[in-house]
Amino acid sequence: MGCGASAATKGKDATTAPNAQASVTATAPREDAKIIDGKALADGVTAEVKAEVDAFTGSGGAAPHLVVVMVGNNSASASYIKRKEVAAASCGIRATVLKLEAETTQDHLLAEVERLNADESVHGIIVQLPLPEGIDEKLVTHAVASNKDVDGFGPVHIGNLALSGQTPLFCPCTPQGCLHMIKSTGISLRGKEAVVIGASNIVGMPMELLLLKEGCTVSLCHIDTVDTASHARRADVLVVAVGKAHLVPGDWIKPGAVVIDVGINFVDDPSKKTGNRMVGDVNFDEAKKVAGHVSPVPGGVGPMTVAMLMRNTLVAAKALAASNS
């Protein structure tokens, strides 16, 4: 009978028929958010890096060389380092792990960093965190020469990131990966409202600066922020990097927003052999019913962080070659 009136109201004014009015205004169920596949995006980045490494070495350049300094036997650190080694091998980047005893003194560690700074065969240096108690992480990481600081955490790179008109040699890997994921959605960032939850030096602060440079209006929520939810609900782009499982529920998310979940947390799950499972800072099941795009955990930001480290190492090798030419 069409979408005008039901049989019960045929011949009457359709505006007086509630059922008919409902049929006119009904909408199809909303589709779930599109998943931002960090693994696929990372594979694309590493393939690009490999092609550039091949071209660089083919023209006489030295293979990029990354050194990761590990102090002690932290199992999580060893796992992260293994991923970096695998990624480096896939890109044609040489990776060396310098393992130091847990009893290594701060002075000894600083001396090793200085030795690597002076070694022209080394293009990138990472000091794997956390470091044992008694070692000043800030002092050690800032001791890495700025032209080899491929983590991008040093004050020279962060300062250039903060200054208008300046471009750092290296951007911190995780925020750089997050930005790549955001752009992969096709969203135009200029003029958008962005909210970053979590103000760490590793993710939150540089993420805010990157989004500012893209033309966003950015709010950075931190431990003293009042009513974080009200900020989050305004965000066209929401990046969450706190380290608290399911901190952000679905009702904190603006419909259609791009949501990037940086958190890595473990919650009890008897169905898993380990007794737990990895989750993010965002309640993924709720978020996907509201957001336009959302990154999963695992399989989201983690692979992108490693891919961007490979890109930074290539940039370091090219910069050193240019300075020596």
Protein backbone atom coordinates (compact mmCIF):
# COMPACT_ATOMS: atom_id res chain seq x y z
CA MET A 1 0.00 0.00 0.00
CA GLY A 2 3.02 2.30 -0.13
CA CYS A 3 4.37 4.41 2.72
CA GLY A 4 1.39 6.73 3.12
CA ALA A 5 -1.22 5.10 5.34
CA SER A 6 -2.02 1.67 6.70
CA ALA A 7 -5.24 -0.21 5.86
CA ALA A 8 -6.69 0.85 9.21
CA THR A 9 -6.36 4.55 8.34
CA LYS A 10 -7.06 4.41 4.62
CA GLY A 11 -9.17 7.37 3.60
CA LYS A 12 -8.13 9.44 6.65
CA ASP A 13 -5.64 12.30 6.74
CA ALA A 14 -2.23 10.58 6.99
CA THR A 15 -1.00 13.20 9.46
CA THR A 16 -3.45 11.81 11.99
CA ALA A 17 -2.13 8.26 11.70
CA PRO A 18 0.73 7.57 14.14
CA ASN A 19 1.78 4.36 12.41
CA ALA A 20 1.96 6.06 9.04
CA GLN A 21 4.02 8.91 10.44
CA ALA A 22 6.43 6.42 11.98
CA SER A 23 6.89 4.67 8.66
CA VAL A 24 7.83 7.96 7.01
CA THR A 25 10.44 8.95 9.60
CA ALA A 26 11.96 5.53 10.30
CA THR A 27 15.65 5.18 9.46
CA ALA A 28 17.80 2.15 8.80
CA PRO A 29 19.84 0.79 11.73
CA ARG A 30 23.20 2.53 12.07
CA GLU A 31 26.19 0.57 10.82
CA ASP A 32 29.04 -0.10 13.22
CA ALA A 33 32.18 2.02 13.00
CA LYS A 34 34.82 1.20 10.43
CA ILE A 35 37.81 -0.53 12.03
CA ILE A 36 41.19 1.15 11.52
CA ASP A 37 43.47 -1.79 10.80
CA GLY A 38 46.81 -0.80 12.29
CA LYS A 39 48.51 -3.99 11.15
CA ALA A 40 47.58 -3.43 7.49
CA LEU A 41 48.61 0.24 7.65
CA ALA A 42 51.91 -0.70 9.33
CA ASP A 43 52.60 -3.26 6.60
CA GLY A 44 52.12 -0.50 4.06
CA VAL A 45 54.54 1.81 5.86
CA THR A 46 57.22 -0.87 6.24
CA ALA A 47 56.88 -1.78 2.55
CA GLU A 48 57.49 1.88 1.66
CA VAL A 49 60.47 2.02 4.02
CA LYS A 50 61.94 -1.15 2.49
CA ALA A 51 61.65 0.34 -1.01
CA GLU A 52 63.39 3.52 0.18
CA VAL A 53 66.11 1.56 1.99
CA ASP A 54 66.74 -0.50 -1.14
CA ALA A 55 67.04 2.68 -3.23
CA PHE A 56 69.28 4.33 -0.62
CA THR A 57 71.69 1.41 -0.30
CA GLY A 58 71.55 0.82 -4.04
CA SER A 59 72.91 4.31 -4.60
CA GLY A 60 75.84 3.72 -2.24
CA GLY A 61 74.30 4.58 1.14
CA ALA A 62 75.06 2.48 4.20
CA ALA A 63 72.24 0.26 5.46
CA PRO A 64 70.42 2.08 8.27
CA HIS A 65 71.59 0.78 11.65
CA LEU A 66 69.41 0.85 14.77
CA VAL A 67 70.84 0.03 18.21
CA VAL A 68 68.48 -0.80 21.07
CA VAL A 69 70.01 -0.60 24.55
CA MET A 70 68.39 -2.97 27.04
CA VAL A 71 69.33 -2.95 30.72
CA GLY A 72 68.27 -5.99 32.72
CA ASN A 73 65.92 -8.82 31.77
CA ASN A 74 62.45 -7.28 31.68
CA SER A 75 60.33 -9.81 29.76
CA ALA A 76 57.95 -7.20 28.35
CA SER A 77 60.89 -5.14 27.09
CA ALA A 78 62.39 -8.22 25.48
CA SER A 79 59.10 -8.87 23.68
CA TYR A 80 58.91 -5.28 22.39
CA ILE A 81 62.52 -5.42 21.22
CA LYS A 82 61.89 -8.66 19.34
CA ARG A 83 59.11 -6.97 17.37
CA LYS A 84 61.49 -4.18 16.45
CA GLU A 85 64.11 -6.68 15.29
CA VAL A 86 61.57 -8.48 13.09
CA ALA A 87 60.34 -5.22 11.58
CA ALA A 88 63.89 -4.02 10.94
CA ALA A 89 64.80 -7.25 9.13
CA SER A 90 61.73 -6.90 6.90
CA CYS A 91 62.85 -3.39 5.93
CA GLY A 92 66.51 -4.09 5.29
CA ILE A 93 67.49 -2.19 8.42
CA ARG A 94 70.31 -3.56 10.57
CA ALA A 95 69.25 -3.93 14.21
CA THR A 96 71.61 -4.53 17.13
CA VAL A 97 70.54 -5.15 20.71
CA LEU A 98 73.08 -4.05 23.32
CA LYS A 99 72.24 -6.03 26.46
CA LEU A 100 73.57 -4.73 29.76
CA GLU A 101 73.31 -6.36 33.17
CA ALA A 102 70.59 -5.22 35.56
CA GLU A 103 73.35 -4.08 37.93
CA THR A 104 74.70 -1.64 35.33
CA THR A 105 75.38 1.75 36.88
CA GLN A 106 74.03 4.98 35.51
CA ASP A 107 77.56 6.18 34.70
CA HIS A 108 78.30 3.01 32.74
CA LEU A 109 75.04 3.33 30.82
CA LEU A 110 75.74 6.97 29.98
CA ALA A 111 79.22 6.00 28.78
CA GLU A 112 77.69 3.40 26.45
CA VAL A 113 75.27 5.98 25.07
CA GLU A 114 78.13 8.38 24.42
CA ARG A 115 80.06 5.64 22.66
CA LEU A 116 77.11 4.97 20.38
CA ASN A 117 76.65 8.70 19.78
CA ALA A 118 80.22 8.86 18.43
CA ASP A 119 79.91 5.72 16.27
CA GLU A 120 79.12 6.83 12.70
CA SER A 121 78.01 3.31 11.78
CA VAL A 122 75.06 3.76 14.16
CA HIS A 123 72.17 5.88 12.85
CA GLY A 124 69.51 5.41 15.50
CA ILE A 125 69.66 4.75 19.25
CA ILE A 126 66.86 3.67 21.56
CA VAL A 127 67.22 3.17 25.30
CA GLN A 128 64.48 0.65 26.08
CA LEU A 129 62.33 1.67 29.04
CA PRO A 130 61.78 1.00 31.86
CA LEU A 131 65.28 1.19 33.32
CA PRO A 132 66.22 -0.38 36.68
CA GLU A 133 65.66 1.59 39.85
CA GLY A 134 68.36 4.12 40.60
CA ILE A 135 68.86 5.17 36.97
CA ASP A 136 67.47 8.52 35.87
CA GLU A 137 65.49 7.71 32.71
CA LYS A 138 65.18 11.34 31.68
CA LEU A 139 68.92 11.94 32.03
CA VAL A 140 69.79 8.84 30.01
CA THR A 141 67.27 9.31 27.20
CA HIS A 142 68.24 12.97 26.82
CA ALA A 143 71.88 11.90 26.54
CA VAL A 144 71.15 10.33 23.13
CA ALA A 145 72.44 12.62 20.37
CA SER A 146 69.55 14.49 18.77
CA ASN A 147 70.48 13.26 15.27
CA LYS A 148 70.20 9.65 16.54
CA ASP A 149 67.20 10.10 18.84
CA VAL A 150 64.83 8.07 16.65
CA ASP A 151 62.30 7.81 19.50
CA GLY A 152 61.89 11.57 19.04
CA PHE A 153 61.54 12.24 22.77
CA GLY A 154 64.41 14.71 23.16
CA PRO A 155 63.84 18.42 23.82
CA VAL A 156 65.21 19.43 20.40
CA HIS A 157 62.58 17.42 18.54
CA ILE A 158 59.71 18.27 20.89
CA GLY A 159 60.71 21.95 20.79
CA ASN A 160 60.67 21.98 16.99
CA LEU A 161 57.34 20.18 17.03
CA ALA A 162 55.92 22.89 19.29
CA LEU A 163 57.22 25.85 17.28
CA SER A 164 55.20 27.19 14.38
CA GLY A 165 57.08 26.90 11.11
CA GLN A 166 59.54 24.33 12.45
CA THR A 167 59.68 20.62 11.58
CA PRO A 168 61.46 18.14 13.84
CA LEU A 169 63.88 15.65 12.32
CA PHE A 170 61.98 12.92 14.21
CA CYS A 171 58.43 12.83 15.53
CA PRO A 172 57.73 10.48 18.44
CA CYS A 173 56.74 7.14 16.95
CA THR A 174 53.40 6.46 18.64
CA PRO A 175 51.85 9.89 17.99
CA GLN A 176 53.20 9.80 14.44
CA GLY A 177 51.54 6.42 13.97
CA CYS A 178 48.28 7.68 15.44
CA LEU A 179 48.25 10.61 13.02
CA HIS A 180 48.83 8.24 10.10
CA MET A 181 45.86 6.17 11.26
CA ILE A 182 43.64 9.24 11.60
CA LYS A 183 44.54 10.44 8.11
CA SER A 184 43.86 6.97 6.69
CA THR A 185 40.14 7.57 7.35
CA GLY A 186 40.10 10.41 4.83
CA ILE A 187 38.97 13.00 7.38
CA SER A 188 39.99 16.61 6.74
CA LEU A 189 41.59 17.69 10.00
CA ARG A 190 41.68 21.45 9.51
CA GLY A 191 39.12 23.10 11.76
CA LYS A 192 38.17 19.89 13.54
CA GLU A 193 37.88 19.60 17.31
CA ALA A 194 40.37 17.09 18.70
CA VAL A 195 40.64 15.81 22.25
CA VAL A 196 43.61 13.90 23.65
CA ILE A 197 43.06 12.11 26.96
CA GLY A 198 46.36 11.52 28.75
CA ALA A 199 49.21 14.05 28.93
CA SER A 200 52.34 11.89 28.91
CA ASN A 201 55.56 13.07 27.29
CA ILE A 202 55.57 9.93 25.13
CA VAL A 203 52.08 10.17 23.63
CA GLY A 204 49.71 12.85 24.90
CA MET A 205 51.83 15.99 24.70
CA PRO A 206 53.36 15.34 21.25
CA MET A 207 49.97 14.11 19.96
CA GLU A 208 48.46 17.46 20.93
CA LEU A 209 51.23 19.29 19.08
CA LEU A 210 50.88 17.17 15.93
CA LEU A 211 47.13 17.77 15.81
CA LEU A 212 47.64 21.50 16.33
CA LYS A 213 49.97 21.55 13.32
CA GLU A 214 47.25 19.83 11.30
CA GLY A 215 44.88 22.73 12.03
CA CYS A 216 42.78 21.15 14.79
CA THR A 217 41.51 22.91 17.88
CA VAL A 218 42.93 20.65 20.58
CA SER A 219 42.04 19.96 24.21
CA LEU A 220 44.48 17.94 26.29
CA CYS A 221 42.81 16.23 29.24
CA HIS A 222 44.96 15.22 32.21
CA ILE A 223 44.69 14.07 35.79
CA ASP A 224 43.36 17.44 36.99
CA THR A 225 40.83 17.92 34.18
CA VAL A 226 37.29 18.45 35.46
CA ASP A 227 34.60 16.47 33.61
CA THR A 228 36.74 14.78 30.98
CA ALA A 229 33.58 13.25 29.49
CA SER A 230 32.22 16.66 28.45
CA HIS A 231 35.44 17.36 26.53
CA ALA A 232 35.43 13.93 24.89
CA ARG A 233 31.84 14.32 23.67
CA ARG A 234 32.82 17.36 21.57
CA ALA A 235 35.66 15.59 19.80
CA ASP A 236 35.65 14.92 16.07
CA VAL A 237 38.95 13.16 16.76
CA LEU A 238 39.51 11.43 20.11
CA VAL A 239 42.88 9.95 21.10
CA VAL A 240 43.01 8.07 24.41
CA ALA A 241 46.35 7.21 26.03
CA VAL A 242 45.95 6.72 29.76
CA GLY A 243 46.51 3.05 30.59
CA LYS A 244 43.17 2.35 32.28
CA ALA A 245 41.03 -0.43 30.89
CA HIS A 246 37.74 0.74 29.35
CA LEU A 247 38.09 4.24 30.74
CA VAL A 248 36.07 5.68 27.85
CA PRO A 249 32.54 4.29 27.43
CA GLY A 250 30.41 4.69 24.34
CA ASP A 251 28.47 7.63 25.73
CA TRP A 252 31.68 9.71 25.88
CA ILE A 253 32.01 9.52 22.09
CA LYS A 254 30.57 11.96 19.57
CA PRO A 255 28.60 10.12 16.86
CA GLY A 256 30.80 9.65 13.80
CA ALA A 257 34.05 10.55 15.58
CA VAL A 258 37.45 9.05 14.77
CA VAL A 259 38.65 7.23 17.90
CA ILE A 260 42.27 6.12 18.40
CA ASP A 261 42.91 3.86 21.39
CA VAL A 262 46.55 3.83 22.51
CA GLY A 263 45.97 1.98 25.79
CA ILE A 264 47.37 -1.46 26.55
CA ASN A 265 45.77 -3.12 29.57
CA PHE A 266 45.05 -6.66 30.70
CA VAL A 267 41.78 -7.83 32.25
CA ASP A 268 40.83 -11.22 33.69
CA ASP A 269 39.45 -13.67 31.16
CA PRO A 270 39.18 -17.32 32.25
CA SER A 271 38.50 -18.38 28.65
CA LYS A 272 42.11 -17.53 27.72
CA LYS A 273 45.05 -19.84 28.44
CA THR A 274 46.87 -16.96 30.13
CA GLY A 275 43.82 -16.10 32.23
CA ASN A 276 43.68 -12.59 30.83
CA ARG A 277 43.25 -10.65 27.60
CA MET A 278 44.48 -7.37 26.21
CA VAL A 279 42.07 -4.43 26.01
CA GLY A 280 42.40 -0.73 25.37
CA ASP A 281 41.40 2.41 27.24
CA VAL A 282 38.19 2.58 25.18
CA ASN A 283 35.26 0.20 25.55
CA PHE A 284 35.53 -1.11 22.00
CA ASP A 285 32.15 -2.87 21.87
CA GLU A 286 30.38 0.33 22.89
CA ALA A 287 32.56 2.65 20.83
CA LYS A 288 32.00 0.84 17.54
CA LYS A 289 28.26 1.50 17.83
CA VAL A 290 28.82 5.26 18.02
CA ALA A 291 32.10 6.23 16.34
CA GLY A 292 32.68 6.57 12.62
CA HIS A 293 36.11 4.95 12.82
CA VAL A 294 37.82 3.23 15.74
CA SER A 295 41.15 1.47 16.27
CA PRO A 296 41.18 -1.93 17.99
CA VAL A 297 43.43 -3.24 20.75
CA PRO A 298 45.39 -5.30 19.87
CA GLY A 299 46.03 -4.70 16.18
CA GLY A 300 45.80 -0.93 16.19
CA VAL A 301 48.42 1.52 17.39
CA GLY A 302 51.09 -1.03 18.41
CA PRO A 303 52.15 -2.11 14.91
CA MET A 304 52.12 1.51 13.74
CA THR A 305 54.55 2.56 16.49
CA VAL A 306 57.12 0.01 15.30
CA ALA A 307 56.60 0.97 11.64
CA MET A 308 57.23 4.64 12.40
CA LEU A 309 60.41 3.70 14.27
CA MET A 310 61.65 2.08 11.07
CA ARG A 311 60.84 5.25 9.13
CA ASN A 312 62.67 7.41 11.67
CA THR A 313 65.75 5.14 11.43
CA LEU A 314 65.80 5.56 7.66
CA VAL A 315 65.46 9.34 8.06
CA ALA A 316 68.45 9.29 10.47
CA ALA A 317 70.61 7.35 7.99
CA LYS A 318 69.77 9.73 5.15
CA ALA A 319 70.43 12.79 7.34
CA LEU A 320 73.86 11.51 8.40
CA ALA A 321 74.76 10.70 4.79
CA ALA A 322 73.72 14.20 3.72
CA SER A 323 75.76 15.84 6.48
CA ASN A 324 78.86 13.88 5.41
CA SER A 325 78.55 14.62 1.71
